[in-house]
Amino acid sequence: MGRYEADFRPSDHDTLPAPASRTGAPLLPQNRDNSGDAAAPEGEGELVQGFRVQLFSSTDIDAAKAKKLEAESFFPSEWFYLQYDPPTYKIRGGNFLQRYEAERFVKLAAERGFGDSWAVPEKVFKQPPPPAR
């Protein structure tokens, strides 16, 4: 019995994506291609300490994906990320180097119906290209 327990890795049996790394790198940076697959910003460059804005969280992945698409339609020039932190899916947007930039986006998001938005310290891409939409 001990041999089987030593060889057992729960992650081999997960059907959900792995959680974000401890460095704060985004789990599922996505541009809006219709395949549904994650695609990191091309030439994503250097990760630095910055801020993202959390727009939505839910345990329902379909609701999270729908909110992500809604956010992309309101803000086509921003990157949005679907992150999984068990048991919650989170929609975060932006690659803000300064808190005031993130807070300005929080106000814009609240005007568009994302009233529970807030700035989150996180590793961000220093110079991401515009999203391909």
Protein backbone atom coordinates (compact mmCIF):
# COMPACT_ATOMS: atom_id res chain seq x y z
CA MET A 1 0.00 0.00 0.00
CA GLY A 2 2.84 2.44 0.78
CA ARG A 3 4.33 2.06 -2.74
CA TYR A 4 1.09 3.17 -4.39
CA GLU A 5 0.71 6.15 -2.08
CA ALA A 6 4.27 7.26 -2.80
CA ASP A 7 3.64 7.12 -6.56
CA PHE A 8 0.26 8.87 -6.45
CA ARG A 9 0.20 12.44 -7.81
CA PRO A 10 -3.26 14.07 -7.65
CA SER A 11 -2.32 16.53 -10.38
CA ASP A 12 -2.13 13.63 -12.85
CA HIS A 13 -5.88 13.22 -12.43
CA ASP A 14 -6.98 16.87 -12.50
CA THR A 15 -9.39 17.85 -15.22
CA LEU A 16 -9.12 21.56 -14.34
CA PRO A 17 -6.17 23.77 -15.24
CA ALA A 18 -3.33 24.04 -12.75
CA PRO A 19 -3.40 27.07 -10.45
CA ALA A 20 -1.29 30.16 -11.13
CA SER A 21 2.34 29.96 -10.18
CA ARG A 22 3.52 31.42 -6.89
CA THR A 23 5.30 34.17 -8.83
CA GLY A 24 1.91 35.66 -9.70
CA ALA A 25 2.24 34.90 -13.41
CA PRO A 26 -1.18 34.73 -15.02
CA LEU A 27 -2.69 31.31 -15.41
CA LEU A 28 -4.65 31.80 -18.59
CA PRO A 29 -3.69 34.95 -20.43
CA GLN A 30 -6.02 34.92 -23.39
CA ASN A 31 -6.56 36.89 -26.50
CA ARG A 32 -9.91 36.57 -28.15
CA ASP A 33 -9.47 33.77 -30.61
CA ASN A 34 -12.46 31.52 -31.01
CA SER A 35 -10.60 28.33 -30.18
CA GLY A 36 -10.92 28.97 -26.44
CA ASP A 37 -7.27 28.09 -25.97
CA ALA A 38 -5.06 30.30 -23.86
CA ALA A 39 -2.62 32.46 -25.76
CA ALA A 40 0.00 34.56 -24.01
CA PRO A 41 0.80 37.98 -25.40
CA GLU A 42 3.29 37.49 -28.20
CA GLY A 43 6.67 38.80 -27.22
CA GLU A 44 5.24 38.92 -23.72
CA GLY A 45 8.52 40.25 -22.41
CA GLU A 46 9.51 40.87 -18.89
CA LEU A 47 7.28 40.29 -15.86
CA VAL A 48 7.48 43.04 -13.24
CA GLN A 49 5.58 43.87 -10.08
CA GLY A 50 2.50 45.88 -10.99
CA PHE A 51 -1.28 45.75 -10.75
CA ARG A 52 -4.26 44.17 -12.42
CA VAL A 53 -7.92 44.92 -11.85
CA GLN A 54 -10.13 42.09 -10.70
CA LEU A 55 -13.48 42.47 -12.41
CA PHE A 56 -15.29 39.27 -11.50
CA SER A 57 -14.99 36.00 -9.60
CA SER A 58 -17.15 32.89 -9.61
CA THR A 59 -16.97 29.15 -9.14
CA ASP A 60 -18.74 28.81 -12.51
CA ILE A 61 -16.28 28.80 -15.41
CA ASP A 62 -19.00 29.54 -17.96
CA ALA A 63 -20.05 32.68 -16.07
CA ALA A 64 -16.40 33.74 -15.83
CA LYS A 65 -15.84 33.24 -19.57
CA ALA A 66 -18.97 35.23 -20.35
CA LYS A 67 -17.82 38.12 -18.15
CA LYS A 68 -14.40 38.02 -19.79
CA LEU A 69 -15.98 38.36 -23.23
CA GLU A 70 -18.13 41.21 -21.93
CA ALA A 71 -15.07 43.01 -20.54
CA GLU A 72 -13.19 42.51 -23.83
CA SER A 73 -16.07 44.09 -25.72
CA PHE A 74 -16.06 47.15 -23.44
CA PHE A 75 -12.26 47.52 -23.35
CA PRO A 76 -10.80 46.13 -26.61
CA SER A 77 -7.34 47.63 -26.01
CA GLU A 78 -6.79 45.84 -22.66
CA TRP A 79 -5.58 42.34 -21.92
CA PHE A 80 -7.88 40.18 -19.78
CA TYR A 81 -6.87 37.06 -17.90
CA LEU A 82 -8.91 34.12 -16.66
CA GLN A 83 -7.22 32.78 -13.53
CA TYR A 84 -8.17 29.71 -11.56
CA ASP A 85 -7.56 29.77 -7.82
CA PRO A 86 -9.49 26.74 -6.54
CA PRO A 87 -12.43 26.84 -6.33
CA THR A 88 -12.75 30.29 -7.92
CA TYR A 89 -12.31 31.58 -11.47
CA LYS A 90 -11.22 35.23 -11.58
CA ILE A 91 -11.29 37.73 -14.41
CA ARG A 92 -8.47 40.25 -14.15
CA GLY A 93 -7.56 42.93 -16.63
CA GLY A 94 -4.64 45.13 -17.51
CA ASN A 95 -0.89 45.27 -17.10
CA PHE A 96 -0.60 48.39 -14.98
CA LEU A 97 2.81 49.40 -13.68
CA GLN A 98 1.44 52.00 -11.25
CA ARG A 99 -1.45 51.72 -8.79
CA TYR A 100 -3.00 55.00 -9.98
CA GLU A 101 -3.34 53.53 -13.50
CA ALA A 102 -5.13 50.50 -12.06
CA GLU A 103 -7.39 52.69 -9.91
CA ARG A 104 -8.33 54.76 -12.97
CA PHE A 105 -9.30 51.51 -14.75
CA VAL A 106 -11.33 50.46 -11.67
CA LYS A 107 -13.44 53.61 -12.12
CA LEU A 108 -13.91 52.94 -15.84
CA ALA A 109 -14.89 49.33 -15.14
CA ALA A 110 -17.41 50.43 -12.49
CA GLU A 111 -19.01 52.77 -15.04
CA ARG A 112 -19.43 49.76 -17.38
CA GLY A 113 -21.16 47.58 -14.79
CA PHE A 114 -18.22 45.96 -13.02
CA GLY A 115 -18.98 47.67 -9.70
CA ASP A 116 -17.05 45.21 -7.54
CA SER A 117 -13.74 45.84 -9.34
CA TRP A 118 -10.58 46.43 -7.35
CA ALA A 119 -6.83 46.76 -7.96
CA VAL A 120 -4.73 43.68 -7.20
CA PRO A 121 -0.93 43.68 -6.82
CA GLU A 122 0.41 41.11 -9.27
CA LYS A 123 3.25 40.40 -11.65
CA VAL A 124 2.40 42.00 -15.00
CA PHE A 125 3.92 42.18 -18.46
CA LYS A 126 6.07 45.29 -18.70
CA GLN A 127 5.35 46.07 -22.37
CA PRO A 128 2.63 43.82 -23.79
CA PRO A 129 1.51 44.37 -27.37
CA PRO A 130 -2.10 45.36 -28.02
CA PRO A 131 -4.43 42.34 -27.87
CA ALA A 132 -5.37 40.80 -31.23
CA ARG A 133 -9.16 40.95 -31.37
